[in-house]
Amino acid sequence: MKIEETGLEGKEVTVHDFDHAADDLGFVRWAWDYKRATYDFKYEDKKQGEIYYLRVPATSIKGEIEEEGSDSVLKIGTPYIGRHTYPHGLDYEYNFPKKILDDAKKRLENLSSHF
């Protein structure tokens, strides 16, 4: 499920700055290569036995993404959320709990406010 109108879409920011702001809010730059990165926040609902991932995609528009201290510039895409399915998939069409969606929107707004 896409989470639109967060204020993040289309923002341009250095990898260094985005890494720090995302890390402060619990996001991890998990999947990345020289031109693309995905920042993930993991939700675990132990009561229901569900795991959700809030994801913020980014593409390098200047320079290459490096592991540490990169000054390349990212363009942020539209965030989305998925429910983990066994063994390695994500369900993006799931009926997500309101509590998870509300927290995800708040977290994304907080991330957006850094820039």
PDB file of N, CA and C in Angstrom:
ATOM      1  N   MET A   1       0.840  -1.164   0.000  1.00  0.00           N
ATOM      2  CA  MET A   1       0.000   0.000   0.000  1.00  0.00           C
ATOM      3  C   MET A   1       0.894   1.239   0.000  1.00  0.00           C
ATOM      4  N   LYS A   2       0.671   2.104  -0.950  1.00  0.00           N
ATOM      5  CA  LYS A   2       1.398   3.364  -0.978  1.00  0.00           C
ATOM      6  C   LYS A   2       0.844   4.289   0.104  1.00  0.00           C
ATOM      7  N   ILE A   3       1.727   5.072   0.681  1.00  0.00           N
ATOM      8  CA  ILE A   3       1.318   6.075   1.666  1.00  0.00           C
ATOM      9  C   ILE A   3       1.688   7.423   1.063  1.00  0.00           C
ATOM     10  N   GLU A   4       0.697   8.087   0.517  1.00  0.00           N
ATOM     11  CA  GLU A   4       0.948   9.313  -0.228  1.00  0.00           C
ATOM     12  C   GLU A   4       0.738  10.555   0.641  1.00  0.00           C
ATOM     13  N   GLU A   5       1.189  11.681   0.087  1.00  0.00           N
ATOM     14  CA  GLU A   5       1.055  12.991   0.724  1.00  0.00           C
ATOM     15  C   GLU A   5       1.715  13.033   2.101  1.00  0.00           C
ATOM     16  N   THR A   6       2.932  12.502   2.165  1.00  0.00           N
ATOM     17  CA  THR A   6       3.696  12.525   3.417  1.00  0.00           C
ATOM     18  C   THR A   6       4.635  13.716   3.475  1.00  0.00           C
ATOM     19  N   GLY A   7       4.816  14.381   2.337  1.00  0.00           N
ATOM     20  CA  GLY A   7       5.771  15.473   2.271  1.00  0.00           C
ATOM     21  C   GLY A   7       7.159  15.008   1.867  1.00  0.00           C
ATOM     22  N   LEU A   8       7.373  13.711   1.778  1.00  0.00           N
ATOM     23  CA  LEU A   8       8.689  13.178   1.402  1.00  0.00           C
ATOM     24  C   LEU A   8       8.866  13.052  -0.107  1.00  0.00           C
ATOM     25  N   GLU A   9       7.796  12.720  -0.803  1.00  0.00           N
ATOM     26  CA  GLU A   9       7.868  12.443  -2.226  1.00  0.00           C
ATOM     27  C   GLU A   9       8.521  13.594  -2.990  1.00  0.00           C
ATOM     28  N   GLY A  10       9.563  13.262  -3.742  1.00  0.00           N
ATOM     29  CA  GLY A  10      10.223  14.263  -4.579  1.00  0.00           C
ATOM     30  C   GLY A  10      11.277  15.099  -3.884  1.00  0.00           C
ATOM     31  N   LYS A  11      11.410  14.982  -2.575  1.00  0.00           N
ATOM     32  CA  LYS A  11      12.440  15.757  -1.879  1.00  0.00           C
ATOM     33  C   LYS A  11      13.816  15.289  -2.323  1.00  0.00           C
ATOM     34  N   GLU A  12      14.755  16.230  -2.373  1.00  0.00           N
ATOM     35  CA  GLU A  12      16.129  15.921  -2.724  1.00  0.00           C
ATOM     36  C   GLU A  12      17.009  16.245  -1.521  1.00  0.00           C
ATOM     37  N   VAL A  13      17.794  15.249  -1.104  1.00  0.00           N
ATOM     38  CA  VAL A  13      18.587  15.375   0.116  1.00  0.00           C
ATOM     39  C   VAL A  13      19.834  14.507  -0.009  1.00  0.00           C
ATOM     40  N   THR A  14      20.910  14.885   0.658  1.00  0.00           N
ATOM     41  CA  THR A  14      22.118  14.068   0.585  1.00  0.00           C
ATOM     42  C   THR A  14      21.908  12.738   1.320  1.00  0.00           C
ATOM     43  N   VAL A  15      22.621  11.731   0.879  1.00  0.00           N
ATOM     44  CA  VAL A  15      22.554  10.429   1.535  1.00  0.00           C
ATOM     45  C   VAL A  15      22.941  10.565   3.001  1.00  0.00           C
ATOM     46  N   HIS A  16      23.986  11.326   3.259  1.00  0.00           N
ATOM     47  CA  HIS A  16      24.466  11.520   4.632  1.00  0.00           C
ATOM     48  C   HIS A  16      23.348  12.059   5.525  1.00  0.00           C
ATOM     49  N   ASP A  17      22.677  13.117   5.069  1.00  0.00           N
ATOM     50  CA  ASP A  17      21.612  13.725   5.870  1.00  0.00           C
ATOM     51  C   ASP A  17      20.412  12.799   6.026  1.00  0.00           C
ATOM     52  N   PHE A  18      20.047  12.117   4.934  1.00  0.00           N
ATOM     53  CA  PHE A  18      18.886  11.223   5.012  1.00  0.00           C
ATOM     54  C   PHE A  18      19.190  10.023   5.905  1.00  0.00           C
ATOM     55  N   ASP A  19      20.405   9.484   5.800  1.00  0.00           N
ATOM     56  CA  ASP A  19      20.802   8.370   6.659  1.00  0.00           C
ATOM     57  C   ASP A  19      20.649   8.727   8.134  1.00  0.00           C
ATOM     58  N   HIS A  20      21.127   9.908   8.496  1.00  0.00           N
ATOM     59  CA  HIS A  20      21.071  10.311   9.909  1.00  0.00           C
ATOM     60  C   HIS A  20      19.634  10.533  10.388  1.00  0.00           C
ATOM     61  N   ALA A  21      18.842  11.228   9.597  1.00  0.00           N
ATOM     62  CA  ALA A  21      17.454  11.478   9.986  1.00  0.00           C
ATOM     63  C   ALA A  21      16.674  10.178  10.058  1.00  0.00           C
ATOM     64  N   ALA A  22      16.853   9.307   9.071  1.00  0.00           N
ATOM     65  CA  ALA A  22      16.141   8.024   9.053  1.00  0.00           C
ATOM     66  C   ALA A  22      16.551   7.165  10.243  1.00  0.00           C
ATOM     67  N   ASP A  23      17.840   7.124  10.523  1.00  0.00           N
ATOM     68  CA  ASP A  23      18.341   6.337  11.648  1.00  0.00           C
ATOM     69  C   ASP A  23      17.755   6.832  12.972  1.00  0.00           C
ATOM     70  N   ASP A  24      17.641   8.134  13.132  1.00  0.00           N
ATOM     71  CA  ASP A  24      17.068   8.705  14.360  1.00  0.00           C
ATOM     72  C   ASP A  24      15.629   8.238  14.587  1.00  0.00           C
ATOM     73  N   LEU A  25      14.924   7.903  13.505  1.00  0.00           N
ATOM     74  CA  LEU A  25      13.525   7.480  13.604  1.00  0.00           C
ATOM     75  C   LEU A  25      13.355   5.960  13.494  1.00  0.00           C
ATOM     76  N   GLY A  26      14.471   5.240  13.514  1.00  0.00           N
ATOM     77  CA  GLY A  26      14.415   3.785  13.526  1.00  0.00           C
ATOM     78  C   GLY A  26      14.436   3.108  12.175  1.00  0.00           C
ATOM     79  N   PHE A  27      14.655   3.862  11.098  1.00  0.00           N
ATOM     80  CA  PHE A  27      14.751   3.274   9.766  1.00  0.00           C
ATOM     81  C   PHE A  27      16.167   2.756   9.532  1.00  0.00           C
ATOM     82  N   VAL A  28      16.260   1.717   8.714  1.00  0.00           N
ATOM     83  CA  VAL A  28      17.543   1.136   8.349  1.00  0.00           C
ATOM     84  C   VAL A  28      17.649   1.148   6.826  1.00  0.00           C
ATOM     85  N   ARG A  29      18.797   1.622   6.324  1.00  0.00           N
ATOM     86  CA  ARG A  29      19.022   1.524   4.874  1.00  0.00           C
ATOM     87  C   ARG A  29      19.414   0.080   4.607  1.00  0.00           C
ATOM     88  N   TRP A  30      18.415  -0.721   4.267  1.00  0.00           N
ATOM     89  CA  TRP A  30      18.608  -2.161   4.188  1.00  0.00           C
ATOM     90  C   TRP A  30      19.078  -2.579   2.803  1.00  0.00           C
ATOM     91  N   ALA A  31      18.259  -2.393   1.819  1.00  0.00           N
ATOM     92  CA  ALA A  31      18.613  -2.781   0.452  1.00  0.00           C
ATOM     93  C   ALA A  31      19.113  -1.543  -0.287  1.00  0.00           C
ATOM     94  N   TRP A  32      20.309  -1.646  -0.861  1.00  0.00           N
ATOM     95  CA  TRP A  32      20.824  -0.513  -1.628  1.00  0.00           C
ATOM     96  C   TRP A  32      21.891  -0.973  -2.604  1.00  0.00           C
ATOM     97  N   ASP A  33      22.062  -0.179  -3.638  1.00  0.00           N
ATOM     98  CA  ASP A  33      23.173  -0.351  -4.561  1.00  0.00           C
ATOM     99  C   ASP A  33      23.675   1.048  -4.883  1.00  0.00           C
ATOM    100  N   TYR A  34      24.376   1.223  -5.973  1.00  0.00           N
ATOM    101  CA  TYR A  34      24.977   2.523  -6.254  1.00  0.00           C
ATOM    102  C   TYR A  34      23.981   3.605  -6.645  1.00  0.00           C
ATOM    103  N   LYS A  35      22.804   3.218  -7.105  1.00  0.00           N
ATOM    104  CA  LYS A  35      21.822   4.198  -7.578  1.00  0.00           C
ATOM    105  C   LYS A  35      20.492   4.183  -6.836  1.00  0.00           C
ATOM    106  N   ARG A  36      20.200   3.124  -6.079  1.00  0.00           N
ATOM    107  CA  ARG A  36      18.910   3.014  -5.392  1.00  0.00           C
ATOM    108  C   ARG A  36      19.121   2.568  -3.947  1.00  0.00           C
ATOM    109  N   ALA A  37      18.174   2.983  -3.111  1.00  0.00           N
ATOM    110  CA  ALA A  37      18.198   2.539  -1.713  1.00  0.00           C
ATOM    111  C   ALA A  37      16.765   2.445  -1.205  1.00  0.00           C
ATOM    112  N   THR A  38      16.572   1.560  -0.242  1.00  0.00           N
ATOM    113  CA  THR A  38      15.292   1.444   0.433  1.00  0.00           C
ATOM    114  C   THR A  38      15.545   1.515   1.934  1.00  0.00           C
ATOM    115  N   TYR A  39      14.839   2.417   2.591  1.00  0.00           N
ATOM    116  CA  TYR A  39      14.947   2.580   4.038  1.00  0.00           C
ATOM    117  C   TYR A  39      13.734   1.894   4.659  1.00  0.00           C
ATOM    118  N   ASP A  40      13.985   0.963   5.565  1.00  0.00           N
ATOM    119  CA  ASP A  40      12.920   0.154   6.160  1.00  0.00           C
ATOM    120  C   ASP A  40      12.738   0.429   7.642  1.00  0.00           C
ATOM    121  N   PHE A  41      11.482   0.411   8.057  1.00  0.00           N
ATOM    122  CA  PHE A  41      11.144   0.399   9.482  1.00  0.00           C
ATOM    123  C   PHE A  41      10.307  -0.851   9.711  1.00  0.00           C
ATOM    124  N   LYS A  42      10.714  -1.655  10.677  1.00  0.00           N
ATOM    125  CA  LYS A  42      10.049  -2.939  10.925  1.00  0.00           C
ATOM    126  C   LYS A  42       9.096  -2.831  12.110  1.00  0.00           C
ATOM    127  N   TYR A  43       7.846  -3.238  11.870  1.00  0.00           N
ATOM    128  CA  TYR A  43       6.845  -3.348  12.920  1.00  0.00           C
ATOM    129  C   TYR A  43       6.638  -4.829  13.227  1.00  0.00           C
ATOM    130  N   GLU A  44       6.627  -5.179  14.493  1.00  0.00           N
ATOM    131  CA  GLU A  44       6.326  -6.556  14.891  1.00  0.00           C
ATOM    132  C   GLU A  44       5.117  -6.555  15.812  1.00  0.00           C
ATOM    133  N   ASP A  45       4.050  -7.204  15.363  1.00  0.00           N
ATOM    134  CA  ASP A  45       2.857  -7.373  16.170  1.00  0.00           C
ATOM    135  C   ASP A  45       2.900  -8.784  16.741  1.00  0.00           C
ATOM    136  N   LYS A  46       3.499  -8.921  17.898  1.00  0.00           N
ATOM    137  CA  LYS A  46       3.699 -10.241  18.496  1.00  0.00           C
ATOM    138  C   LYS A  46       2.382 -10.894  18.899  1.00  0.00           C
ATOM    139  N   LYS A  47       1.407 -10.065  19.233  1.00  0.00           N
ATOM    140  CA  LYS A  47       0.099 -10.597  19.630  1.00  0.00           C
ATOM    141  C   LYS A  47      -0.582 -11.305  18.455  1.00  0.00           C
ATOM    142  N   GLN A  48      -0.501 -10.703  17.269  1.00  0.00           N
ATOM    143  CA  GLN A  48      -1.119 -11.270  16.075  1.00  0.00           C
ATOM    144  C   GLN A  48      -0.142 -12.130  15.259  1.00  0.00           C
ATOM    145  N   GLY A  49       1.132 -12.075  15.624  1.00  0.00           N
ATOM    146  CA  GLY A  49       2.137 -12.834  14.893  1.00  0.00           C
ATOM    147  C   GLY A  49       2.420 -12.290  13.505  1.00  0.00           C
ATOM    148  N   GLU A  50       2.290 -10.978  13.333  1.00  0.00           N
ATOM    149  CA  GLU A  50       2.488 -10.343  12.031  1.00  0.00           C
ATOM    150  C   GLU A  50       3.709  -9.426  12.068  1.00  0.00           C
ATOM    151  N   ILE A  51       4.351  -9.297  10.912  1.00  0.00           N
ATOM    152  CA  ILE A  51       5.464  -8.370  10.737  1.00  0.00           C
ATOM    153  C   ILE A  51       5.143  -7.496   9.535  1.00  0.00           C
ATOM    154  N   TYR A  52       5.352  -6.199   9.688  1.00  0.00           N
ATOM    155  CA  TYR A  52       5.101  -5.220   8.635  1.00  0.00           C
ATOM    156  C   TYR A  52       6.384  -4.433   8.395  1.00  0.00           C
ATOM    157  N   TYR A  53       6.571  -4.000   7.156  1.00  0.00           N
ATOM    158  CA  TYR A  53       7.708  -3.160   6.812  1.00  0.00           C
ATOM    159  C   TYR A  53       7.207  -1.872   6.175  1.00  0.00           C
ATOM    160  N   LEU A  54       7.584  -0.760   6.764  1.00  0.00           N
ATOM    161  CA  LEU A  54       7.358   0.553   6.185  1.00  0.00           C
ATOM    162  C   LEU A  54       8.614   0.880   5.389  1.00  0.00           C
ATOM    163  N   ARG A  55       8.445   1.202   4.115  1.00  0.00           N
ATOM    164  CA  ARG A  55       9.596   1.398   3.237  1.00  0.00           C
ATOM    165  C   ARG A  55       9.571   2.767   2.569  1.00  0.00           C
ATOM    166  N   VAL A  56      10.760   3.373   2.517  1.00  0.00           N
ATOM    167  CA  VAL A  56      10.935   4.647   1.829  1.00  0.00           C
ATOM    168  C   VAL A  56      11.973   4.424   0.735  1.00  0.00           C
ATOM    169  N   PRO A  57      11.544   4.475  -0.527  1.00  0.00           N
ATOM    170  CA  PRO A  57      12.488   4.274  -1.627  1.00  0.00           C
ATOM    171  C   PRO A  57      13.192   5.581  -1.989  1.00  0.00           C
ATOM    172  N   ALA A  58      14.415   5.449  -2.468  1.00  0.00           N
ATOM    173  CA  ALA A  58      15.181   6.621  -2.881  1.00  0.00           C
ATOM    174  C   ALA A  58      16.061   6.256  -4.067  1.00  0.00           C
ATOM    175  N   THR A  59      16.281   7.237  -4.943  1.00  0.00           N
ATOM    176  CA  THR A  59      17.130   7.060  -6.115  1.00  0.00           C
ATOM    177  C   THR A  59      18.180   8.156  -6.119  1.00  0.00           C
ATOM    178  N   SER A  60      19.416   7.787  -6.422  1.00  0.00           N
ATOM    179  CA  SER A  60      20.485   8.777  -6.501  1.00  0.00           C
ATOM    180  C   SER A  60      20.335   9.581  -7.786  1.00  0.00           C
ATOM    181  N   ILE A  61      20.321  10.901  -7.650  1.00  0.00           N
ATOM    182  CA  ILE A  61      20.260  11.760  -8.825  1.00  0.00           C
ATOM    183  C   ILE A  61      21.581  12.492  -9.048  1.00  0.00           C
ATOM    184  N   LYS A  62      22.507  12.323  -8.068  1.00  0.00           N
ATOM    185  CA  LYS A  62      23.842  12.909  -8.201  1.00  0.00           C
ATOM    186  C   LYS A  62      24.813  12.037  -7.415  1.00  0.00           C
ATOM    187  N   GLY A  63      25.754  11.460  -8.103  1.00  0.00           N
ATOM    188  CA  GLY A  63      26.753  10.627  -7.442  1.00  0.00           C
ATOM    189  C   GLY A  63      26.232   9.228  -7.166  1.00  0.00           C
ATOM    190  N   GLU A  64      27.056   8.463  -6.475  1.00  0.00           N
ATOM    191  CA  GLU A  64      26.709   7.085  -6.135  1.00  0.00           C
ATOM    192  C   GLU A  64      26.496   6.961  -4.633  1.00  0.00           C
ATOM    193  N   ILE A  65      25.592   6.082  -4.263  1.00  0.00           N
ATOM    194  CA  ILE A  65      25.325   5.816  -2.854  1.00  0.00           C
ATOM    195  C   ILE A  65      26.453   4.940  -2.327  1.00  0.00           C
ATOM    196  N   GLU A  66      27.029   5.360  -1.238  1.00  0.00           N
ATOM    197  CA  GLU A  66      28.127   4.610  -0.632  1.00  0.00           C
ATOM    198  C   GLU A  66      27.715   4.183   0.763  1.00  0.00           C
ATOM    199  N   GLU A  67      28.508   3.304   1.334  1.00  0.00           N
ATOM    200  CA  GLU A  67      28.167   2.785   2.658  1.00  0.00           C
ATOM    201  C   GLU A  67      28.263   3.844   3.747  1.00  0.00           C
ATOM    202  N   GLU A  68      29.263   4.711   3.680  1.00  0.00           N
ATOM    203  CA  GLU A  68      29.441   5.701   4.748  1.00  0.00           C
ATOM    204  C   GLU A  68      29.669   7.091   4.172  1.00  0.00           C
ATOM    205  N   GLY A  69      28.992   8.056   4.753  1.00  0.00           N
ATOM    206  CA  GLY A  69      29.287   9.459   4.518  1.00  0.00           C
ATOM    207  C   GLY A  69      29.153   9.963   3.096  1.00  0.00           C
ATOM    208  N   SER A  70      28.308   9.385   2.308  1.00  0.00           N
ATOM    209  CA  SER A  70      28.172   9.805   0.921  1.00  0.00           C
ATOM    210  C   SER A  70      27.522  11.178   0.825  1.00  0.00           C
ATOM    211  N   ASP A  71      28.046  11.985  -0.097  1.00  0.00           N
ATOM    212  CA  ASP A  71      27.448  13.292  -0.373  1.00  0.00           C
ATOM    213  C   ASP A  71      26.572  13.252  -1.621  1.00  0.00           C
ATOM    214  N   SER A  72      26.300  12.057  -2.120  1.00  0.00           N
ATOM    215  CA  SER A  72      25.415  11.965  -3.277  1.00  0.00           C
ATOM    216  C   SER A  72      24.028  12.459  -2.870  1.00  0.00           C
ATOM    217  N   VAL A  73      23.255  12.834  -3.861  1.00  0.00           N
ATOM    218  CA  VAL A  73      21.928  13.398  -3.610  1.00  0.00           C
ATOM    219  C   VAL A  73      20.868  12.376  -3.986  1.00  0.00           C
ATOM    220  N   LEU A  74      19.927  12.168  -3.067  1.00  0.00           N
ATOM    221  CA  LEU A  74      18.820  11.248  -3.269  1.00  0.00           C
ATOM    222  C   LEU A  74      17.559  12.011  -3.622  1.00  0.00           C
ATOM    223  N   LYS A  75      16.743  11.400  -4.466  1.00  0.00           N
ATOM    224  CA  LYS A  75      15.377  11.867  -4.683  1.00  0.00           C
ATOM    225  C   LYS A  75      14.481  10.820  -4.039  1.00  0.00           C
ATOM    226  N   ILE A  76      13.639  11.256  -3.112  1.00  0.00           N
ATOM    227  CA  ILE A  76      12.819  10.349  -2.323  1.00  0.00           C
ATOM    228  C   ILE A  76      11.531  10.011  -3.079  1.00  0.00           C
ATOM    229  N   GLY A  77      11.192   8.727  -3.066  1.00  0.00           N
ATOM    230  CA  GLY A  77       9.982   8.250  -3.726  1.00  0.00           C
ATOM    231  C   GLY A  77       8.810   8.176  -2.757  1.00  0.00           C
ATOM    232  N   THR A  78       7.728   7.592  -3.215  1.00  0.00           N
ATOM    233  CA  THR A  78       6.520   7.441  -2.405  1.00  0.00           C
ATOM    234  C   THR A  78       6.685   6.265  -1.443  1.00  0.00           C
ATOM    235  N   PRO A  79       6.556   6.499  -0.146  1.00  0.00           N
ATOM    236  CA  PRO A  79       6.663   5.409   0.832  1.00  0.00           C
ATOM    237  C   PRO A  79       5.534   4.396   0.666  1.00  0.00           C
ATOM    238  N   TYR A  80       5.784   3.177   1.113  1.00  0.00           N
ATOM    239  CA  TYR A  80       4.784   2.123   1.053  1.00  0.00           C
ATOM    240  C   TYR A  80       4.975   1.166   2.213  1.00  0.00           C
ATOM    241  N   ILE A  81       3.957   0.355   2.465  1.00  0.00           N
ATOM    242  CA  ILE A  81       3.992  -0.586   3.574  1.00  0.00           C
ATOM    243  C   ILE A  81       3.528  -1.956   3.081  1.00  0.00           C
ATOM    244  N   GLY A  82       4.145  -2.991   3.645  1.00  0.00           N
ATOM    245  CA  GLY A  82       3.773  -4.346   3.280  1.00  0.00           C
ATOM    246  C   GLY A  82       3.804  -5.258   4.497  1.00  0.00           C
ATOM    247  N   ARG A  83       3.043  -6.331   4.404  1.00  0.00           N
ATOM    248  CA  ARG A  83       3.022  -7.347   5.459  1.00  0.00           C
ATOM    249  C   ARG A  83       3.906  -8.502   5.017  1.00  0.00           C
ATOM    250  N   HIS A  84       4.795  -8.927   5.900  1.00  0.00           N
ATOM    251  CA  HIS A  84       5.691 -10.029   5.593  1.00  0.00           C
ATOM    252  C   HIS A  84       4.910 -11.318   5.391  1.00  0.00           C
ATOM    253  N   THR A  85       5.237 -12.031   4.325  1.00  0.00           N
ATOM    254  CA  THR A  85       4.661 -13.347   4.080  1.00  0.00           C
ATOM    255  C   THR A  85       5.795 -14.350   4.003  1.00  0.00           C
ATOM    256  N   TYR A  86       5.528 -15.540   4.455  1.00  0.00           N
ATOM    257  CA  TYR A  86       6.555 -16.572   4.529  1.00  0.00           C
ATOM    258  C   TYR A  86       6.867 -17.119   3.152  1.00  0.00           C
ATOM    259  N   PRO A  87       8.107 -17.355   2.787  1.00  0.00           N
ATOM    260  CA  PRO A  87       9.307 -17.104   3.568  1.00  0.00           C
ATOM    261  C   PRO A  87       9.936 -15.740   3.281  1.00  0.00           C
ATOM    262  N   HIS A  88       9.744 -15.176   2.065  1.00  0.00           N
ATOM    263  CA  HIS A  88      10.471 -13.942   1.734  1.00  0.00           C
ATOM    264  C   HIS A  88       9.636 -12.884   1.034  1.00  0.00           C
ATOM    265  N   GLY A  89       8.348 -12.931   1.125  1.00  0.00           N
ATOM    266  CA  GLY A  89       7.523 -12.014   0.356  1.00  0.00           C
ATOM    267  C   GLY A  89       6.907 -10.913   1.187  1.00  0.00           C
ATOM    268  N   LEU A  90       6.276  -9.974   0.489  1.00  0.00           N
ATOM    269  CA  LEU A  90       5.528  -8.903   1.133  1.00  0.00           C
ATOM    270  C   LEU A  90       4.180  -8.774   0.441  1.00  0.00           C
ATOM    271  N   ASP A  91       3.139  -8.614   1.243  1.00  0.00           N
ATOM    272  CA  ASP A  91       1.787  -8.407   0.748  1.00  0.00           C
ATOM    273  C   ASP A  91       1.467  -6.927   0.897  1.00  0.00           C
ATOM    274  N   TYR A  92       1.322  -6.238  -0.229  1.00  0.00           N
ATOM    275  CA  TYR A  92       1.071  -4.800  -0.207  1.00  0.00           C
ATOM    276  C   TYR A  92      -0.417  -4.464  -0.228  1.00  0.00           C
ATOM    277  N   GLU A  93      -1.271  -5.464  -0.415  1.00  0.00           N
ATOM    278  CA  GLU A  93      -2.719  -5.246  -0.505  1.00  0.00           C
ATOM    279  C   GLU A  93      -3.444  -5.629   0.782  1.00  0.00           C
ATOM    280  N   TYR A  94      -2.719  -5.924   1.810  1.00  0.00           N
ATOM    281  CA  TYR A  94      -3.264  -6.369   3.088  1.00  0.00           C
ATOM    282  C   TYR A  94      -4.097  -5.257   3.732  1.00  0.00           C
ATOM    283  N   ASN A  95      -5.078  -5.623   4.537  1.00  0.00           N
ATOM    284  CA  ASN A  95      -5.872  -4.653   5.284  1.00  0.00           C
ATOM    285  C   ASN A  95      -5.112  -4.324   6.577  1.00  0.00           C
ATOM    286  N   PHE A  96      -4.256  -3.324   6.511  1.00  0.00           N
ATOM    287  CA  PHE A  96      -3.358  -3.007   7.618  1.00  0.00           C
ATOM    288  C   PHE A  96      -4.109  -2.439   8.818  1.00  0.00           C
ATOM    289  N   PRO A  97      -3.675  -2.809  10.022  1.00  0.00           N
ATOM    290  CA  PRO A  97      -4.313  -2.266  11.227  1.00  0.00           C
ATOM    291  C   PRO A  97      -4.165  -0.750  11.296  1.00  0.00           C
ATOM    292  N   LYS A  98      -5.222  -0.089  11.747  1.00  0.00           N
ATOM    293  CA  LYS A  98      -5.219   1.372  11.864  1.00  0.00           C
ATOM    294  C   LYS A  98      -4.052   1.855  12.725  1.00  0.00           C
ATOM    295  N   LYS A  99      -3.769   1.158  13.800  1.00  0.00           N
ATOM    296  CA  LYS A  99      -2.676   1.539  14.700  1.00  0.00           C
ATOM    297  C   LYS A  99      -1.333   1.585  13.951  1.00  0.00           C
ATOM    298  N   ILE A 100      -1.091   0.618  13.094  1.00  0.00           N
ATOM    299  CA  ILE A 100       0.157   0.564  12.320  1.00  0.00           C
ATOM    300  C   ILE A 100       0.187   1.693  11.296  1.00  0.00           C
ATOM    301  N   LEU A 101      -0.917   1.890  10.571  1.00  0.00           N
ATOM    302  CA  LEU A 101      -0.968   2.953   9.561  1.00  0.00           C
ATOM    303  C   LEU A 101      -0.820   4.337  10.177  1.00  0.00           C
ATOM    304  N   ASP A 102      -1.474   4.566  11.316  1.00  0.00           N
ATOM    305  CA  ASP A 102      -1.357   5.870  11.979  1.00  0.00           C
ATOM    306  C   ASP A 102       0.078   6.138  12.405  1.00  0.00           C
ATOM    307  N   ASP A 103       0.737   5.117  12.971  1.00  0.00           N
ATOM    308  CA  ASP A 103       2.130   5.288  13.380  1.00  0.00           C
ATOM    309  C   ASP A 103       3.028   5.514  12.164  1.00  0.00           C
ATOM    310  N   ALA A 104       2.778   4.777  11.089  1.00  0.00           N
ATOM    311  CA  ALA A 104       3.587   4.927   9.880  1.00  0.00           C
ATOM    312  C   ALA A 104       3.474   6.350   9.325  1.00  0.00           C
ATOM    313  N   LYS A 105       2.268   6.888   9.266  1.00  0.00           N
ATOM    314  CA  LYS A 105       2.074   8.248   8.757  1.00  0.00           C
ATOM    315  C   LYS A 105       2.766   9.274   9.643  1.00  0.00           C
ATOM    316  N   LYS A 106       2.663   9.089  10.945  1.00  0.00           N
ATOM    317  CA  LYS A 106       3.321  10.007  11.876  1.00  0.00           C
ATOM    318  C   LYS A 106       4.839   9.926  11.731  1.00  0.00           C
ATOM    319  N   ARG A 107       5.362   8.726  11.611  1.00  0.00           N
ATOM    320  CA  ARG A 107       6.807   8.521  11.457  1.00  0.00           C
ATOM    321  C   ARG A 107       7.306   9.178  10.162  1.00  0.00           C
ATOM    322  N   LEU A 108       6.545   9.025   9.077  1.00  0.00           N
ATOM    323  CA  LEU A 108       6.927   9.627   7.795  1.00  0.00           C
ATOM    324  C   LEU A 108       6.852  11.150   7.846  1.00  0.00           C
ATOM    325  N   GLU A 109       5.852  11.688   8.531  1.00  0.00           N
ATOM    326  CA  GLU A 109       5.759  13.143   8.686  1.00  0.00           C
ATOM    327  C   GLU A 109       6.949  13.661   9.492  1.00  0.00           C
ATOM    328  N   ASN A 110       7.336  12.932  10.541  1.00  0.00           N
ATOM    329  CA  ASN A 110       8.515  13.321  11.319  1.00  0.00           C
ATOM    330  C   ASN A 110       9.780  13.291  10.474  1.00  0.00           C
ATOM    331  N   LEU A 111       9.902  12.279   9.639  1.00  0.00           N
ATOM    332  CA  LEU A 111      11.071  12.190   8.753  1.00  0.00           C
ATOM    333  C   LEU A 111      11.072  13.363   7.773  1.00  0.00           C
ATOM    334  N   SER A 112       9.926  13.661   7.210  1.00  0.00           N
ATOM    335  CA  SER A 112       9.811  14.770   6.265  1.00  0.00           C
ATOM    336  C   SER A 112      10.167  16.113   6.903  1.00  0.00           C
ATOM    337  N   SER A 113       9.827  16.274   8.169  1.00  0.00           N
ATOM    338  CA  SER A 113      10.069  17.554   8.855  1.00  0.00           C
ATOM    339  C   SER A 113      11.564  17.848   9.033  1.00  0.00           C
ATOM    340  N   HIS A 114      12.415  16.862   8.866  1.00  0.00           N
ATOM    341  CA  HIS A 114      13.861  17.086   8.962  1.00  0.00           C
ATOM    342  C   HIS A 114      14.412  17.854   7.752  1.00  0.00           C
ATOM    343  N   PHE A 115      13.617  17.941   6.688  1.00  0.00           N
ATOM    344  CA  PHE A 115      14.138  18.531   5.460  1.00  0.00           C
ATOM    345  C   PHE A 115      13.280  19.668   4.990  1.00  0.00           C
TER     346      PHE A 115
END
